[in-house]
PDB file of N, CA and C in Angstrom:
ATOM      1  N   UNK A   1      14.085  24.446 -16.816  1.00  0.00           N
ATOM      2  CA  UNK A   1      15.150  23.734 -16.142  1.00  0.00           C
ATOM      3  C   UNK A   1      16.395  24.599 -15.983  1.00  0.00           C
ATOM      4  N   UNK A   2      16.512  25.641 -16.784  1.00  0.00           N
ATOM      5  CA  UNK A   2      17.715  26.472 -16.689  1.00  0.00           C
ATOM      6  C   UNK A   2      17.773  27.241 -15.380  1.00  0.00           C
ATOM      7  N   UNK A   3      16.615  27.466 -14.724  1.00  0.00           N
ATOM      8  CA  UNK A   3      16.608  28.164 -13.452  1.00  0.00           C
ATOM      9  C   UNK A   3      16.812  27.248 -12.264  1.00  0.00           C
ATOM     10  N   UNK A   4      16.879  25.956 -12.521  1.00  0.00           N
ATOM     11  CA  UNK A   4      17.055  24.983 -11.451  1.00  0.00           C
ATOM     12  C   UNK A   4      18.494  25.007 -10.966  1.00  0.00           C
ATOM     13  N   UNK A   5      18.666  25.073  -9.660  1.00  0.00           N
ATOM     14  CA  UNK A   5      20.012  25.117  -9.080  1.00  0.00           C
ATOM     15  C   UNK A   5      20.368  23.753  -8.488  1.00  0.00           C
ATOM     16  N   UNK A   6      21.648  23.499  -8.375  1.00  0.00           N
ATOM     17  CA  UNK A   6      22.104  22.249  -7.769  1.00  0.00           C
ATOM     18  C   UNK A   6      21.596  22.116  -6.343  1.00  0.00           C
ATOM     19  N   UNK A   7      21.511  23.213  -5.629  1.00  0.00           N
ATOM     20  CA  UNK A   7      21.025  23.178  -4.249  1.00  0.00           C
ATOM     21  C   UNK A   7      19.602  22.630  -4.175  1.00  0.00           C
ATOM     22  N   UNK A   8      18.839  22.806  -5.256  1.00  0.00           N
ATOM     23  CA  UNK A   8      17.466  22.293  -5.283  1.00  0.00           C
ATOM     24  C   UNK A   8      17.441  20.772  -5.448  1.00  0.00           C
ATOM     25  N   UNK A   9      18.491  20.218  -6.014  1.00  0.00           N
ATOM     26  CA  UNK A   9      18.548  18.784  -6.287  1.00  0.00           C
ATOM     27  C   UNK A   9      19.400  18.000  -5.287  1.00  0.00           C
ATOM     28  N   UNK A  10      20.333  18.667  -4.658  1.00  0.00           N
ATOM     29  CA  UNK A  10      21.292  17.990  -3.778  1.00  0.00           C
ATOM     30  C   UNK A  10      20.592  17.340  -2.596  1.00  0.00           C
ATOM     31  N   UNK A  11      21.061  16.173  -2.266  1.00  0.00           N
ATOM     32  CA  UNK A  11      20.531  15.461  -1.102  1.00  0.00           C
ATOM     33  C   UNK A  11      21.037  16.116   0.170  1.00  0.00           C
ATOM     34  N   UNK A  12      20.175  16.201   1.125  1.00  0.00           N
ATOM     35  CA  UNK A  12      20.547  16.807   2.400  1.00  0.00           C
ATOM     36  C   UNK A  12      21.131  15.766   3.359  1.00  0.00           C
ATOM     37  N   UNK A  13      20.684  14.543   3.220  1.00  0.00           N
ATOM     38  CA  UNK A  13      21.143  13.474   4.104  1.00  0.00           C
ATOM     39  C   UNK A  13      21.881  12.436   3.271  1.00  0.00           C
ATOM     40  N   UNK A  14      23.113  12.150   3.670  1.00  0.00           N
ATOM     41  CA  UNK A  14      23.903  11.135   2.987  1.00  0.00           C
ATOM     42  C   UNK A  14      24.156   9.989   3.954  1.00  0.00           C
ATOM     43  N   UNK A  15      24.282   8.795   3.422  1.00  0.00           N
ATOM     44  CA  UNK A  15      24.553   7.612   4.234  1.00  0.00           C
ATOM     45  C   UNK A  15      26.051   7.350   4.172  1.00  0.00           C
ATOM     46  N   UNK A  16      26.677   7.266   5.347  1.00  0.00           N
ATOM     47  CA  UNK A  16      28.126   7.102   5.424  1.00  0.00           C
ATOM     48  C   UNK A  16      28.493   5.677   5.810  1.00  0.00           C
ATOM     49  N   UNK A  17      29.682   5.274   5.363  1.00  0.00           N
ATOM     50  CA  UNK A  17      30.217   3.954   5.693  1.00  0.00           C
ATOM     51  C   UNK A  17      31.738   4.090   5.832  1.00  0.00           C
ATOM     52  N   UNK A  18      32.332   3.408   6.811  1.00  0.00           N
ATOM     53  CA  UNK A  18      33.797   3.466   6.945  1.00  0.00           C
ATOM     54  C   UNK A  18      34.477   2.587   5.891  1.00  0.00           C
ATOM     55  N   UNK A  19      35.729   2.856   5.576  1.00  0.00           N
ATOM     56  CA  UNK A  19      36.414   2.153   4.496  1.00  0.00           C
ATOM     57  C   UNK A  19      36.766   0.696   4.791  1.00  0.00           C
ATOM     58  N   UNK A  20      36.664   0.265   6.035  1.00  0.00           N
ATOM     59  CA  UNK A  20      37.039  -1.111   6.362  1.00  0.00           C
ATOM     60  C   UNK A  20      35.883  -2.094   6.200  1.00  0.00           C
ATOM     61  N   UNK A  21      34.729  -1.642   5.748  1.00  0.00           N
ATOM     62  CA  UNK A  21      33.575  -2.518   5.558  1.00  0.00           C
ATOM     63  C   UNK A  21      33.686  -3.268   4.239  1.00  0.00           C
ATOM     64  N   UNK A  22      32.995  -4.387   4.128  1.00  0.00           N
ATOM     65  CA  UNK A  22      33.028  -5.198   2.905  1.00  0.00           C
ATOM     66  C   UNK A  22      32.003  -4.689   1.896  1.00  0.00           C
ATOM     67  N   UNK A  23      32.145  -5.159   0.658  1.00  0.00           N
ATOM     68  CA  UNK A  23      31.149  -4.810  -0.359  1.00  0.00           C
ATOM     69  C   UNK A  23      29.778  -5.364   0.010  1.00  0.00           C
ATOM     70  N   UNK A  24      29.747  -6.526   0.641  1.00  0.00           N
ATOM     71  CA  UNK A  24      28.470  -7.089   1.082  1.00  0.00           C
ATOM     72  C   UNK A  24      27.804  -6.167   2.100  1.00  0.00           C
ATOM     73  N   UNK A  25      28.589  -5.659   3.039  1.00  0.00           N
ATOM     74  CA  UNK A  25      28.036  -4.746   4.040  1.00  0.00           C
ATOM     75  C   UNK A  25      27.540  -3.459   3.384  1.00  0.00           C
ATOM     76  N   UNK A  26      28.279  -2.983   2.391  1.00  0.00           N
ATOM     77  CA  UNK A  26      27.856  -1.777   1.671  1.00  0.00           C
ATOM     78  C   UNK A  26      26.542  -2.032   0.937  1.00  0.00           C
ATOM     79  N   UNK A  27      26.425  -3.204   0.297  1.00  0.00           N
ATOM     80  CA  UNK A  27      25.199  -3.544  -0.420  1.00  0.00           C
ATOM     81  C   UNK A  27      24.019  -3.639   0.545  1.00  0.00           C
ATOM     82  N   UNK A  28      24.238  -4.268   1.698  1.00  0.00           N
ATOM     83  CA  UNK A  28      23.173  -4.379   2.690  1.00  0.00           C
ATOM     84  C   UNK A  28      22.739  -3.003   3.193  1.00  0.00           C
ATOM     85  N   UNK A  29      23.711  -2.113   3.408  1.00  0.00           N
ATOM     86  CA  UNK A  29      23.388  -0.765   3.867  1.00  0.00           C
ATOM     87  C   UNK A  29      22.605  -0.002   2.802  1.00  0.00           C
ATOM     88  N   UNK A  30      23.011  -0.165   1.553  1.00  0.00           N
ATOM     89  CA  UNK A  30      22.270   0.481   0.465  1.00  0.00           C
ATOM     90  C   UNK A  30      20.834  -0.026   0.415  1.00  0.00           C
ATOM     91  N   UNK A  31      20.658  -1.330   0.566  1.00  0.00           N
ATOM     92  CA  UNK A  31      19.310  -1.906   0.529  1.00  0.00           C
ATOM     93  C   UNK A  31      18.469  -1.414   1.703  1.00  0.00           C
ATOM     94  N   UNK A  32      19.053  -1.394   2.886  1.00  0.00           N
ATOM     95  CA  UNK A  32      18.320  -0.974   4.085  1.00  0.00           C
ATOM     96  C   UNK A  32      17.905   0.485   4.020  1.00  0.00           C
ATOM     97  N   UNK A  33      18.767   1.328   3.462  1.00  0.00           N
ATOM     98  CA  UNK A  33      18.505   2.769   3.462  1.00  0.00           C
ATOM     99  C   UNK A  33      17.943   3.270   2.133  1.00  0.00           C
ATOM    100  N   UNK A  34      17.874   2.357   1.140  1.00  0.00           N
ATOM    101  CA  UNK A  34      17.413   2.697  -0.212  1.00  0.00           C
ATOM    102  C   UNK A  34      18.292   3.776  -0.846  1.00  0.00           C
ATOM    103  N   UNK A  35      19.564   3.777  -0.469  1.00  0.00           N
ATOM    104  CA  UNK A  35      20.522   4.737  -1.020  1.00  0.00           C
ATOM    105  C   UNK A  35      21.208   4.123  -2.236  1.00  0.00           C
ATOM    106  N   UNK A  36      21.481   4.934  -3.231  1.00  0.00           N
ATOM    107  CA  UNK A  36      22.256   4.435  -4.362  1.00  0.00           C
ATOM    108  C   UNK A  36      23.671   5.007  -4.371  1.00  0.00           C
ATOM    109  N   UNK A  37      23.977   5.783  -3.317  1.00  0.00           N
ATOM    110  CA  UNK A  37      25.322   6.323  -3.121  1.00  0.00           C
ATOM    111  C   UNK A  37      25.637   6.294  -1.631  1.00  0.00           C
ATOM    112  N   UNK A  38      26.833   5.823  -1.295  1.00  0.00           N
ATOM    113  CA  UNK A  38      27.323   5.883   0.085  1.00  0.00           C
ATOM    114  C   UNK A  38      28.553   6.772   0.105  1.00  0.00           C
ATOM    115  N   UNK A  39      28.670   7.589   1.138  1.00  0.00           N
ATOM    116  CA  UNK A  39      29.904   8.349   1.296  1.00  0.00           C
ATOM    117  C   UNK A  39      30.836   7.537   2.192  1.00  0.00           C
ATOM    118  N   UNK A  40      32.070   7.415   1.766  1.00  0.00           N
ATOM    119  CA  UNK A  40      33.066   6.668   2.536  1.00  0.00           C
ATOM    120  C   UNK A  40      33.827   7.687   3.371  1.00  0.00           C
ATOM    121  N   UNK A  41      33.753   7.495   4.685  1.00  0.00           N
ATOM    122  CA  UNK A  41      34.382   8.446   5.602  1.00  0.00           C
ATOM    123  C   UNK A  41      35.458   7.756   6.423  1.00  0.00           C
ATOM    124  N   UNK A  42      36.432   8.529   6.869  1.00  0.00           N
ATOM    125  CA  UNK A  42      37.528   7.989   7.672  1.00  0.00           C
ATOM    126  C   UNK A  42      36.986   7.432   8.981  1.00  0.00           C
ATOM    127  N   UNK A  43      37.438   6.254   9.360  1.00  0.00           N
ATOM    128  CA  UNK A  43      36.969   5.620  10.594  1.00  0.00           C
ATOM    129  C   UNK A  43      37.312   6.464  11.816  1.00  0.00           C
ATOM    130  N   UNK A  44      38.499   7.060  11.819  1.00  0.00           N
ATOM    131  CA  UNK A  44      38.937   7.844  12.972  1.00  0.00           C
ATOM    132  C   UNK A  44      38.347   9.252  12.989  1.00  0.00           C
ATOM    133  N   UNK A  45      37.840   9.711  11.838  1.00  0.00           N
ATOM    134  CA  UNK A  45      37.243  11.044  11.747  1.00  0.00           C
ATOM    135  C   UNK A  45      36.111  11.007  10.724  1.00  0.00           C
ATOM    136  N   UNK A  46      34.887  10.639  11.162  1.00  0.00           N
ATOM    137  CA  UNK A  46      33.760  10.499  10.233  1.00  0.00           C
ATOM    138  C   UNK A  46      33.403  11.775   9.468  1.00  0.00           C
ATOM    139  N   UNK A  47      33.947  12.920   9.867  1.00  0.00           N
ATOM    140  CA  UNK A  47      33.670  14.146   9.116  1.00  0.00           C
ATOM    141  C   UNK A  47      34.606  14.283   7.915  1.00  0.00           C
ATOM    142  N   UNK A  48      35.612  13.389   7.818  1.00  0.00           N
ATOM    143  CA  UNK A  48      36.569  13.448   6.699  1.00  0.00           C
ATOM    144  C   UNK A  48      36.124  12.522   5.575  1.00  0.00           C
ATOM    145  N   UNK A  49      35.764  13.103   4.462  1.00  0.00           N
ATOM    146  CA  UNK A  49      35.291  12.353   3.297  1.00  0.00           C
ATOM    147  C   UNK A  49      36.478  11.735   2.558  1.00  0.00           C
ATOM    148  N   UNK A  50      36.402  10.415   2.341  1.00  0.00           N
ATOM    149  CA  UNK A  50      37.444   9.720   1.585  1.00  0.00           C
ATOM    150  C   UNK A  50      37.029   9.492   0.140  1.00  0.00           C
ATOM    151  N   UNK A  51      35.722   9.382  -0.080  1.00  0.00           N
ATOM    152  CA  UNK A  51      35.231   9.141  -1.433  1.00  0.00           C
ATOM    153  C   UNK A  51      33.770   8.749  -1.412  1.00  0.00           C
ATOM    154  N   UNK A  52      33.286   8.295  -2.564  1.00  0.00           N
ATOM    155  CA  UNK A  52      31.907   7.838  -2.677  1.00  0.00           C
ATOM    156  C   UNK A  52      31.883   6.457  -3.316  1.00  0.00           C
ATOM    157  N   UNK A  53      30.881   5.690  -2.963  1.00  0.00           N
ATOM    158  CA  UNK A  53      30.650   4.375  -3.555  1.00  0.00           C
ATOM    159  C   UNK A  53      29.246   4.403  -4.120  1.00  0.00           C
ATOM    160  N   UNK A  54      29.129   4.185  -5.421  1.00  0.00           N
ATOM    161  CA  UNK A  54      27.816   4.205  -6.057  1.00  0.00           C
ATOM    162  C   UNK A  54      27.309   2.783  -6.261  1.00  0.00           C
ATOM    163  N   UNK A  55      26.026   2.664  -6.500  1.00  0.00           N
ATOM    164  CA  UNK A  55      25.448   1.359  -6.804  1.00  0.00           C
ATOM    165  C   UNK A  55      26.108   0.770  -8.043  1.00  0.00           C
ATOM    166  N   UNK A  56      26.409   1.611  -8.997  1.00  0.00           N
ATOM    167  CA  UNK A  56      27.091   1.142 -10.203  1.00  0.00           C
ATOM    168  C   UNK A  56      28.466   0.554  -9.863  1.00  0.00           C
ATOM    169  N   UNK A  57      29.215   1.227  -8.979  1.00  0.00           N
ATOM    170  CA  UNK A  57      30.516   0.703  -8.543  1.00  0.00           C
ATOM    171  C   UNK A  57      30.359  -0.682  -7.928  1.00  0.00           C
ATOM    172  N   UNK A  58      29.351  -0.811  -7.088  1.00  0.00           N
ATOM    173  CA  UNK A  58      29.104  -2.062  -6.387  1.00  0.00           C
ATOM    174  C   UNK A  58      28.764  -3.184  -7.367  1.00  0.00           C
ATOM    175  N   UNK A  59      27.883  -2.902  -8.320  1.00  0.00           N
ATOM    176  CA  UNK A  59      27.496  -3.905  -9.313  1.00  0.00           C
ATOM    177  C   UNK A  59      28.668  -4.288 -10.205  1.00  0.00           C
ATOM    178  N   UNK A  60      29.480  -3.321 -10.572  1.00  0.00           N
ATOM    179  CA  UNK A  60      30.651  -3.605 -11.403  1.00  0.00           C
ATOM    180  C   UNK A  60      31.627  -4.508 -10.653  1.00  0.00           C
ATOM    181  N   UNK A  61      31.886  -4.214  -9.387  1.00  0.00           N
ATOM    182  CA  UNK A  61      32.793  -5.042  -8.592  1.00  0.00           C
ATOM    183  C   UNK A  61      32.244  -6.455  -8.437  1.00  0.00           C
ATOM    184  N   UNK A  62      30.934  -6.571  -8.249  1.00  0.00           N
ATOM    185  CA  UNK A  62      30.317  -7.894  -8.110  1.00  0.00           C
ATOM    186  C   UNK A  62      30.439  -8.673  -9.421  1.00  0.00           C
ATOM    187  N   UNK A  63      30.206  -8.001 -10.544  1.00  0.00           N
ATOM    188  CA  UNK A  63      30.340  -8.650 -11.843  1.00  0.00           C
ATOM    189  C   UNK A  63      31.756  -9.128 -12.099  1.00  0.00           C
ATOM    190  N   UNK A  64      32.726  -8.313 -11.739  1.00  0.00           N
ATOM    191  CA  UNK A  64      34.130  -8.708 -11.910  1.00  0.00           C
ATOM    192  C   UNK A  64      34.467  -9.904 -11.029  1.00  0.00           C
ATOM    193  N   UNK A  65      33.889  -9.936  -9.826  1.00  0.00           N
ATOM    194  CA  UNK A  65      34.107 -11.069  -8.936  1.00  0.00           C
ATOM    195  C   UNK A  65      33.535 -12.344  -9.548  1.00  0.00           C
ATOM    196  N   UNK A  66      32.333 -12.264 -10.115  1.00  0.00           N
ATOM    197  CA  UNK A  66      31.724 -13.439 -10.735  1.00  0.00           C
ATOM    198  C   UNK A  66      32.543 -13.926 -11.922  1.00  0.00           C
ATOM    199  N   UNK A  67      33.051 -12.989 -12.713  1.00  0.00           N
ATOM    200  CA  UNK A  67      33.880 -13.377 -13.855  1.00  0.00           C
ATOM    201  C   UNK A  67      35.137 -14.104 -13.398  1.00  0.00           C
ATOM    202  N   UNK A  68      35.773 -13.606 -12.348  1.00  0.00           N
ATOM    203  CA  UNK A  68      37.011 -14.229 -11.885  1.00  0.00           C
ATOM    204  C   UNK A  68      36.736 -15.554 -11.174  1.00  0.00           C
ATOM    205  N   UNK A  69      35.541 -15.702 -10.605  1.00  0.00           N
ATOM    206  CA  UNK A  69      35.204 -16.939  -9.902  1.00  0.00           C
ATOM    207  C   UNK A  69      34.726 -18.023 -10.859  1.00  0.00           C
ATOM    208  N   UNK A  70      34.418 -17.666 -12.077  1.00  0.00           N
ATOM    209  CA  UNK A  70      33.973 -18.629 -13.060  1.00  0.00           C
ATOM    210  C   UNK A  70      32.468 -18.601 -13.239  1.00  0.00           C
ATOM    211  N   UNK A  71      32.030 -19.191 -14.327  1.00  0.00           N
ATOM    212  CA  UNK A  71      30.622 -19.139 -14.708  1.00  0.00           C
ATOM    213  C   UNK A  71      29.728 -19.919 -13.758  1.00  0.00           C
ATOM    214  N   UNK A  72      30.241 -20.966 -13.130  1.00  0.00           N
ATOM    215  CA  UNK A  72      29.428 -21.795 -12.246  1.00  0.00           C
ATOM    216  C   UNK A  72      28.809 -20.965 -11.118  1.00  0.00           C
ATOM    217  N   UNK A  73      29.600 -20.083 -10.506  1.00  0.00           N
ATOM    218  CA  UNK A  73      29.070 -19.269  -9.415  1.00  0.00           C
ATOM    219  C   UNK A  73      28.001 -18.309  -9.896  1.00  0.00           C
ATOM    220  N   UNK A  74      28.059 -17.923 -11.164  1.00  0.00           N
ATOM    221  CA  UNK A  74      27.039 -17.017 -11.692  1.00  0.00           C
ATOM    222  C   UNK A  74      25.666 -17.677 -11.619  1.00  0.00           C
ATOM    223  N   UNK A  75      25.613 -18.994 -11.807  1.00  0.00           N
ATOM    224  CA  UNK A  75      24.344 -19.707 -11.718  1.00  0.00           C
ATOM    225  C   UNK A  75      23.799 -19.689 -10.294  1.00  0.00           C
ATOM    226  N   UNK A  76      24.673 -19.692  -9.326  1.00  0.00           N
ATOM    227  CA  UNK A  76      24.236 -19.745  -7.933  1.00  0.00           C
ATOM    228  C   UNK A  76      23.505 -18.493  -7.490  1.00  0.00           C
ATOM    229  N   UNK A  77      23.686 -17.373  -8.172  1.00  0.00           N
ATOM    230  CA  UNK A  77      22.992 -16.157  -7.784  1.00  0.00           C
ATOM    231  C   UNK A  77      21.671 -15.981  -8.518  1.00  0.00           C
ATOM    232  N   UNK A  78      21.406 -16.838  -9.514  1.00  0.00           N
ATOM    233  CA  UNK A  78      20.145 -16.758 -10.245  1.00  0.00           C
ATOM    234  C   UNK A  78      19.046 -17.474  -9.473  1.00  0.00           C
ATOM    235  N   UNK A  79      17.808 -16.999  -9.586  1.00  0.00           N
ATOM    236  CA  UNK A  79      16.684 -17.697  -8.932  1.00  0.00           C
ATOM    237  C   UNK A  79      16.557 -19.119  -9.457  1.00  0.00           C
ATOM    238  N   UNK A  80      16.011 -19.994  -8.648  1.00  0.00           N
ATOM    239  CA  UNK A  80      15.829 -21.402  -9.027  1.00  0.00           C
ATOM    240  C   UNK A  80      15.072 -21.499 -10.346  1.00  0.00           C
ATOM    241  N   UNK A  81      15.567 -22.328 -11.243  1.00  0.00           N
ATOM    242  CA  UNK A  81      14.922 -22.535 -12.524  1.00  0.00           C
ATOM    243  C   UNK A  81      15.405 -21.615 -13.637  1.00  0.00           C
ATOM    244  N   UNK A  82      16.157 -20.595 -13.319  1.00  0.00           N
ATOM    245  CA  UNK A  82      16.661 -19.677 -14.333  1.00  0.00           C
ATOM    246  C   UNK A  82      17.962 -20.219 -14.901  1.00  0.00           C
ATOM    247  N   UNK A  83      18.217 -19.932 -16.156  1.00  0.00           N
ATOM    248  CA  UNK A  83      19.465 -20.327 -16.780  1.00  0.00           C
ATOM    249  C   UNK A  83      20.010 -19.169 -17.597  1.00  0.00           C
ATOM    250  N   UNK A  84      21.317 -19.106 -17.708  1.00  0.00           N
ATOM    251  CA  UNK A  84      21.930 -18.096 -18.550  1.00  0.00           C
ATOM    252  C   UNK A  84      21.724 -18.460 -20.010  1.00  0.00           C
ATOM    253  N   UNK A  85      21.599 -17.493 -20.913  1.00  0.00           N
ATOM    254  CA  UNK A  85      21.458 -17.793 -22.334  1.00  0.00           C
ATOM    255  C   UNK A  85      22.629 -18.631 -22.830  1.00  0.00           C
ATOM    256  N   UNK A  86      22.331 -19.638 -23.604  1.00  0.00           N
ATOM    257  CA  UNK A  86      23.361 -20.497 -24.168  1.00  0.00           C
ATOM    258  C   UNK A  86      23.847 -21.575 -23.224  1.00  0.00           C
ATOM    259  N   UNK A  87      23.279 -21.660 -22.030  1.00  0.00           N
ATOM    260  CA  UNK A  87      23.735 -22.655 -21.054  1.00  0.00           C
ATOM    261  C   UNK A  87      22.946 -23.944 -21.201  1.00  0.00           C
TER     262      UNK A  87
END
């Protein structure tokens, strides 16, 4: 593994998304493209990188949203018949 270079591992094709899209749109794009990282590019200049959005970022933001919305909404995302522990 010591002879392995980053160039051997780096992805050649990245999936880009503009910064004005919603987290839902980002999640849908990740699902459609099977990407776990999206590059966020400037809407007026798609060659300008603004940052990256990872699947972990997306899940963390969704979890924070559920916490702020209350426990009831957490049940709505579970499959029918499932319950949270202690509920």
